[in-house]
Amino acid sequence: MAIRKIFVLALTVPLCALAVACGGGEMPEAQAPDTETAATPEAPETAAPEAPEAPEAPAAPETPEAPEAPSDAPAE
């Protein structure tokens, strides 16, 4: 476990130093795009045709329950 901690520290310290050394430049501020050029034309609203209602399914016939096996019958 100690070897793993040493290995992590040995890699972390140089990488942090490199990041600090290379990241010294300032990032430019983000600018919002112009609203006139960035605006997309909206599509005209079209009335969607309504789907016809589906006919109701016929009711399923009731199935009779299977009779229970007697308790003294051998199990299969």
N, C-alpha and C. Protein backbone atom coordinates (compact mmCIF):
# COMPACT_ATOMS: atom_id res chain seq x y z
N MET A 1 0.83 -1.18 0.00
CA MET A 1 0.00 0.00 0.00
C MET A 1 0.88 1.25 0.00
N ALA A 2 1.97 1.23 0.70
CA ALA A 2 2.86 2.39 0.76
C ALA A 2 3.50 2.65 -0.59
N ILE A 3 3.79 1.58 -1.33
CA ILE A 3 4.39 1.74 -2.65
C ILE A 3 3.40 2.45 -3.58
N ARG A 4 2.14 2.12 -3.46
CA ARG A 4 1.12 2.75 -4.30
C ARG A 4 1.03 4.24 -4.00
N LYS A 5 1.08 4.62 -2.72
CA LYS A 5 1.02 6.04 -2.36
C LYS A 5 2.24 6.79 -2.89
N ILE A 6 3.40 6.18 -2.79
CA ILE A 6 4.62 6.82 -3.29
C ILE A 6 4.54 6.99 -4.81
N PHE A 7 4.03 5.97 -5.48
CA PHE A 7 3.89 6.02 -6.94
C PHE A 7 2.93 7.14 -7.34
N VAL A 8 1.82 7.27 -6.63
CA VAL A 8 0.85 8.31 -6.94
C VAL A 8 1.46 9.69 -6.71
N LEU A 9 2.15 9.87 -5.61
CA LEU A 9 2.79 11.16 -5.34
C LEU A 9 3.88 11.47 -6.35
N ALA A 10 4.62 10.45 -6.75
CA ALA A 10 5.71 10.66 -7.71
C ALA A 10 5.17 11.11 -9.06
N LEU A 11 3.98 10.70 -9.41
CA LEU A 11 3.38 11.13 -10.67
C LEU A 11 2.59 12.43 -10.53
N THR A 12 1.97 12.63 -9.39
CA THR A 12 1.10 13.79 -9.21
C THR A 12 1.89 15.09 -9.15
N VAL A 13 2.97 15.10 -8.41
CA VAL A 13 3.74 16.34 -8.23
C VAL A 13 4.27 16.87 -9.56
N PRO A 14 4.94 16.06 -10.39
CA PRO A 14 5.42 16.61 -11.67
C PRO A 14 4.29 17.02 -12.61
N LEU A 15 3.19 16.27 -12.61
CA LEU A 15 2.08 16.64 -13.49
C LEU A 15 1.45 17.96 -13.06
N CYS A 16 1.33 18.18 -11.76
CA CYS A 16 0.78 19.46 -11.28
C CYS A 16 1.72 20.61 -11.63
N ALA A 17 3.02 20.37 -11.48
CA ALA A 17 3.99 21.42 -11.82
C ALA A 17 3.93 21.74 -13.31
N LEU A 18 3.78 20.72 -14.14
CA LEU A 18 3.68 20.93 -15.58
C LEU A 18 2.40 21.69 -15.93
N ALA A 19 1.31 21.34 -15.27
CA ALA A 19 0.05 22.03 -15.54
C ALA A 19 0.13 23.50 -15.16
N VAL A 20 0.79 23.80 -14.05
CA VAL A 20 0.93 25.19 -13.64
C VAL A 20 1.83 25.94 -14.61
N ALA A 21 2.90 25.29 -15.04
CA ALA A 21 3.85 25.95 -15.95
C ALA A 21 3.22 26.21 -17.32
N CYS A 22 2.44 25.29 -17.82
CA CYS A 22 1.86 25.43 -19.16
C CYS A 22 0.56 26.22 -19.15
N GLY A 23 -0.10 26.27 -18.03
CA GLY A 23 -1.42 26.91 -17.99
C GLY A 23 -1.38 28.34 -17.56
N GLY A 24 -0.30 29.04 -17.78
CA GLY A 24 -0.18 30.42 -17.32
C GLY A 24 -0.95 31.42 -18.15
N GLY A 25 -1.34 31.07 -19.37
CA GLY A 25 -2.04 32.01 -20.24
C GLY A 25 -3.47 32.20 -19.80
N GLU A 26 -4.02 33.38 -20.10
CA GLU A 26 -5.40 33.66 -19.73
C GLU A 26 -6.34 33.16 -20.83
N MET A 27 -7.46 32.68 -20.40
CA MET A 27 -8.47 32.23 -21.35
C MET A 27 -9.30 33.43 -21.79
N PRO A 28 -9.59 33.56 -23.07
CA PRO A 28 -10.44 34.67 -23.50
C PRO A 28 -11.87 34.45 -23.00
N GLU A 29 -12.56 35.55 -22.74
CA GLU A 29 -13.92 35.44 -22.24
C GLU A 29 -14.83 34.97 -23.37
N ALA A 30 -15.79 34.18 -22.99
CA ALA A 30 -16.75 33.68 -23.97
C ALA A 30 -17.69 34.80 -24.37
N GLN A 31 -18.00 34.87 -25.65
CA GLN A 31 -18.90 35.90 -26.14
C GLN A 31 -20.15 35.24 -26.68
N ALA A 32 -21.28 35.82 -26.36
CA ALA A 32 -22.54 35.30 -26.86
C ALA A 32 -22.68 35.65 -28.33
N PRO A 33 -23.23 34.75 -29.14
CA PRO A 33 -23.41 35.07 -30.56
C PRO A 33 -24.48 36.15 -30.73
N ASP A 34 -24.38 36.86 -31.85
CA ASP A 34 -25.38 37.89 -32.15
C ASP A 34 -26.74 37.24 -32.30
N THR A 35 -27.75 37.88 -31.74
CA THR A 35 -29.09 37.29 -31.81
C THR A 35 -29.65 37.32 -33.22
N GLU A 36 -29.25 38.29 -34.03
CA GLU A 36 -29.78 38.37 -35.39
C GLU A 36 -29.22 37.26 -36.27
N THR A 37 -27.95 36.97 -36.13
CA THR A 37 -27.35 35.96 -37.00
C THR A 37 -27.55 34.55 -36.45
N ALA A 38 -27.70 34.42 -35.15
CA ALA A 38 -27.82 33.10 -34.56
C ALA A 38 -29.25 32.60 -34.51
N ALA A 39 -30.21 33.49 -34.73
CA ALA A 39 -31.60 33.08 -34.64
C ALA A 39 -31.95 32.17 -35.81
N THR A 40 -32.59 31.09 -35.51
CA THR A 40 -33.03 30.16 -36.55
C THR A 40 -34.50 30.45 -36.85
N PRO A 41 -34.86 30.42 -38.11
CA PRO A 41 -36.27 30.67 -38.42
C PRO A 41 -37.13 29.51 -37.91
N GLU A 42 -38.25 29.87 -37.32
CA GLU A 42 -39.13 28.84 -36.80
C GLU A 42 -39.98 28.28 -37.93
N ALA A 43 -40.21 27.00 -37.87
CA ALA A 43 -41.04 26.36 -38.88
C ALA A 43 -42.49 26.74 -38.64
N PRO A 44 -43.25 26.93 -39.71
CA PRO A 44 -44.66 27.26 -39.52
C PRO A 44 -45.40 26.08 -38.90
N GLU A 45 -46.33 26.42 -38.03
CA GLU A 45 -47.08 25.36 -37.37
C GLU A 45 -48.08 24.76 -38.36
N THR A 46 -48.05 23.47 -38.47
CA THR A 46 -49.01 22.79 -39.33
C THR A 46 -49.88 21.92 -38.46
N ALA A 47 -51.14 21.87 -38.81
CA ALA A 47 -52.07 21.05 -38.04
C ALA A 47 -51.84 19.59 -38.40
N ALA A 48 -51.53 18.80 -37.40
CA ALA A 48 -51.31 17.38 -37.63
C ALA A 48 -52.66 16.70 -37.74
N PRO A 49 -52.81 15.83 -38.74
CA PRO A 49 -54.10 15.13 -38.86
C PRO A 49 -54.29 14.19 -37.68
N GLU A 50 -55.52 14.16 -37.20
CA GLU A 50 -55.80 13.29 -36.07
C GLU A 50 -55.95 11.85 -36.55
N ALA A 51 -55.41 10.95 -35.78
CA ALA A 51 -55.50 9.53 -36.13
C ALA A 51 -56.90 9.02 -35.78
N PRO A 52 -57.45 8.15 -36.63
CA PRO A 52 -58.77 7.61 -36.30
C PRO A 52 -58.66 6.69 -35.08
N GLU A 53 -59.74 6.65 -34.33
CA GLU A 53 -59.73 5.81 -33.13
C GLU A 53 -59.74 4.34 -33.53
N ALA A 54 -58.99 3.56 -32.80
CA ALA A 54 -58.94 2.12 -33.07
C ALA A 54 -60.20 1.46 -32.53
N PRO A 55 -60.72 0.47 -33.26
CA PRO A 55 -61.91 -0.22 -32.75
C PRO A 55 -61.55 -1.01 -31.49
N GLU A 56 -62.53 -1.15 -30.63
CA GLU A 56 -62.28 -1.88 -29.39
C GLU A 56 -62.13 -3.36 -29.68
N ALA A 57 -61.23 -3.99 -28.96
CA ALA A 57 -61.00 -5.43 -29.13
C ALA A 57 -62.14 -6.18 -28.45
N PRO A 58 -62.56 -7.30 -29.04
CA PRO A 58 -63.63 -8.08 -28.40
C PRO A 58 -63.12 -8.64 -27.07
N ALA A 59 -64.04 -8.78 -26.14
CA ALA A 59 -63.68 -9.29 -24.82
C ALA A 59 -63.28 -10.76 -24.94
N ALA A 60 -62.26 -11.13 -24.20
CA ALA A 60 -61.79 -12.52 -24.23
C ALA A 60 -62.79 -13.39 -23.47
N PRO A 61 -63.08 -14.58 -24.02
CA PRO A 61 -64.01 -15.46 -23.31
C PRO A 61 -63.37 -15.96 -22.02
N GLU A 62 -64.21 -16.14 -21.01
CA GLU A 62 -63.69 -16.61 -19.73
C GLU A 62 -63.33 -18.09 -19.84
N THR A 63 -62.18 -18.44 -19.30
CA THR A 63 -61.77 -19.84 -19.32
C THR A 63 -62.10 -20.46 -17.98
N PRO A 64 -62.64 -21.66 -17.99
CA PRO A 64 -62.96 -22.30 -16.71
C PRO A 64 -61.67 -22.69 -15.99
N GLU A 65 -61.73 -22.63 -14.67
CA GLU A 65 -60.55 -22.97 -13.89
C GLU A 65 -60.36 -24.49 -13.90
N ALA A 66 -59.09 -24.90 -13.89
CA ALA A 66 -58.78 -26.33 -13.88
C ALA A 66 -59.08 -26.88 -12.49
N PRO A 67 -59.64 -28.09 -12.42
CA PRO A 67 -59.92 -28.67 -11.11
C PRO A 67 -58.61 -28.97 -10.37
N GLU A 68 -58.65 -28.81 -9.06
CA GLU A 68 -57.46 -29.08 -8.27
C GLU A 68 -57.25 -30.58 -8.13
N ALA A 69 -55.98 -30.97 -8.08
CA ALA A 69 -55.65 -32.38 -7.92
C ALA A 69 -55.90 -32.78 -6.46
N PRO A 70 -56.33 -34.01 -6.25
CA PRO A 70 -56.52 -34.45 -4.85
C PRO A 70 -55.18 -34.44 -4.12
N SER A 71 -55.25 -34.19 -2.82
CA SER A 71 -54.02 -34.06 -2.05
C SER A 71 -53.27 -35.38 -1.89
N ASP A 72 -53.95 -36.51 -2.05
CA ASP A 72 -53.26 -37.80 -1.90
C ASP A 72 -52.70 -38.31 -3.23
N ALA A 73 -52.83 -37.54 -4.30
CA ALA A 73 -52.31 -37.96 -5.59
C ALA A 73 -50.78 -37.82 -5.59
N PRO A 74 -50.08 -38.74 -6.26
CA PRO A 74 -48.61 -38.63 -6.31
C PRO A 74 -48.19 -37.42 -7.15
N ALA A 75 -47.15 -36.78 -6.73
CA ALA A 75 -46.65 -35.60 -7.44
C ALA A 75 -45.88 -36.04 -8.67
N GLU A 76 -46.01 -35.27 -9.73
CA GLU A 76 -45.32 -35.63 -10.97
C GLU A 76 -43.96 -35.02 -11.00
